[in-house]
Protein backbone atom coordinates (compact mmCIF):
# COMPACT_ATOMS: atom_id res chain seq x y z
CA MET A 1 20.06 67.94 -1.21
CA ASN A 2 22.89 66.69 0.93
CA VAL A 3 22.90 63.00 1.92
CA VAL A 4 23.28 63.99 5.57
CA ASP A 5 19.96 65.84 5.39
CA LYS A 6 18.18 62.51 4.88
CA ILE A 7 19.34 60.91 8.15
CA ILE A 8 16.56 60.09 10.56
CA THR A 9 17.22 59.45 14.21
CA ILE A 10 15.02 56.90 15.90
CA GLU A 11 14.56 57.27 19.62
CA HIS A 12 13.60 54.17 21.52
CA LYS A 13 11.20 54.96 24.32
CA GLU A 14 10.34 52.12 26.61
CA SER A 15 7.40 52.13 28.96
CA VAL A 16 8.26 51.00 32.44
CA ARG A 17 5.80 49.40 34.75
CA LEU A 18 6.04 49.58 38.49
CA ASP A 19 3.83 47.56 40.77
CA SER A 20 2.87 50.27 43.24
CA ASP A 21 1.12 47.70 45.45
CA ARG A 22 4.41 45.81 45.82
CA LEU A 23 6.22 49.03 46.75
CA ALA A 24 3.49 50.00 49.21
CA GLY A 25 3.70 46.53 50.76
CA LEU A 26 7.44 46.95 51.17
CA TYR A 27 6.86 50.20 53.06
CA ARG A 28 4.16 48.62 55.23
CA GLN A 29 6.34 45.63 56.01
CA LEU A 30 9.61 47.44 56.69
CA GLY A 31 8.57 50.96 57.66
CA ASP A 32 9.60 54.10 55.81
CA THR A 33 13.25 54.30 56.81
CA ASN A 34 14.05 50.63 56.23
CA ALA A 35 12.09 50.52 52.96
CA VAL A 36 14.02 53.52 51.59
CA ASP A 37 17.26 51.82 52.64
CA VAL A 38 16.27 48.59 50.89
CA LEU A 39 15.20 50.46 47.74
CA CYS A 40 18.45 52.44 47.61
CA ARG A 41 20.53 49.28 47.92
CA THR A 42 18.32 47.50 45.38
CA ILE A 43 18.63 50.32 42.86
CA GLU A 44 22.39 50.25 43.25
CA GLU A 45 22.50 46.46 42.85
CA LEU A 46 20.28 46.55 39.77
CA ALA A 47 22.47 49.21 38.17
CA VAL A 48 25.57 47.09 38.81
CA ARG A 49 23.92 43.98 37.37
CA LEU A 50 22.72 45.83 34.28
CA SER A 51 26.30 46.94 33.72
CA ASN A 52 27.50 43.37 34.27
CA CYS A 53 25.02 42.06 31.72
CA GLU A 54 26.39 44.47 29.15
CA ARG A 55 29.95 43.43 30.00
CA PHE A 56 29.06 39.72 29.70
CA TRP A 57 27.54 40.46 26.28
CA ARG A 58 30.69 42.21 25.06
CA GLN A 59 32.81 39.28 26.33
CA ARG A 60 30.39 36.75 24.79
CA ASP A 61 30.11 35.13 28.23
CA TRP A 62 26.72 33.51 27.65
CA ALA A 63 26.60 31.67 30.98
CA GLY A 64 27.44 34.87 32.86
CA LEU A 65 24.85 36.84 30.90
CA ARG A 66 22.16 34.23 31.53
CA LYS A 67 22.92 34.06 35.26
CA CYS A 68 23.04 37.84 35.59
CA SER A 69 19.79 38.41 33.70
CA LYS A 70 18.04 35.72 35.78
CA SER A 71 19.21 37.48 38.95
CA LEU A 72 17.72 40.72 37.58
CA VAL A 73 14.38 38.94 37.25
CA ALA A 74 14.37 37.92 40.91
CA ILE A 75 15.53 41.25 42.29
CA SER A 76 13.28 43.42 40.14
CA GLU A 77 10.20 41.33 40.95
CA GLN A 78 10.83 41.86 44.67
CA VAL A 79 10.52 45.63 44.32
CA GLY A 80 7.72 45.71 41.74
CA MET A 81 9.68 46.42 38.54
CA THR A 82 7.53 44.17 36.38
CA ALA A 83 8.71 45.37 32.95
CA LEU A 84 12.35 44.99 33.96
CA ALA A 85 11.71 41.46 35.24
CA ARG A 86 9.95 40.46 32.01
CA VAL A 87 12.65 41.81 29.69
CA ALA A 88 15.44 40.29 31.81
CA GLY A 89 13.65 36.96 31.49
CA ASP A 90 13.51 37.48 27.72
CA VAL A 91 17.29 37.97 27.65
CA ALA A 92 17.82 34.70 29.51
CA HIS A 93 15.40 32.94 27.15
CA ASN A 94 17.28 34.20 24.10
CA VAL A 95 20.60 33.08 25.58
CA ASP A 96 19.08 29.63 26.17
CA ALA A 97 17.88 29.57 22.56
CA GLY A 98 21.39 30.34 21.35
CA ASP A 99 20.16 33.34 19.36
CA ALA A 100 22.92 35.95 19.60
CA VAL A 101 21.09 38.52 17.46
CA ALA A 102 17.91 38.34 19.54
CA THR A 103 19.99 38.36 22.71
CA GLY A 104 21.75 41.54 21.63
CA ALA A 105 18.51 43.28 20.70
CA THR A 106 16.79 42.20 23.90
CA LEU A 107 19.78 43.19 26.00
CA ASN A 108 19.64 46.69 24.52
CA ARG A 109 15.97 46.82 25.43
CA LEU A 110 16.84 45.58 28.92
CA ILE A 111 19.29 48.45 29.36
CA ARG A 112 16.65 51.00 28.27
CA VAL A 113 13.93 49.51 30.46
CA GLY A 114 16.39 49.16 33.34
CA GLU A 115 17.45 52.79 33.20
CA GLY A 116 13.82 53.89 32.97
CA SER A 117 12.76 51.65 35.84
CA LEU A 118 15.54 52.82 38.11
CA THR A 119 14.71 56.43 37.35
CA ALA A 120 10.99 55.84 37.89
CA VAL A 121 11.48 54.24 41.30
CA TRP A 122 13.96 56.93 42.28
CA ASP A 123 11.57 59.70 41.22
CA GLN A 124 8.45 58.04 42.66
CA GLN A 125 10.02 57.51 46.05
CA ASP A 126 11.84 60.88 46.00
CA LEU A 127 15.01 59.13 47.11
CA SER A 128 17.84 61.51 47.80
CA VAL A 129 21.46 60.79 48.52
């Protein structure tokens, strides 16, 4: 048997949670057109901040990573991305604790949850460019 035959690939699947009541409230408050506009801009901003968090990690800019992850908490809570908000808060907590290993692991989870959350909102709202 070849050594390569023994390699197992682990796929990380993260469950995302969206607060549909929060999204419905956004639509009630702003109306359909304005709510879609806000969601599109929010999705774009979250994607940029997720990318920034990863860049801060690579640069070992702990203050930047903490600030960026805290901003993800606030933004994602506003549009009902509860899992994303929780994991972003975990990243900030690990930075505060000075635990680089936990920060790296949690940041990777944040990226997975973030991508899933953005896709879920996009798909749920049928947002098109």
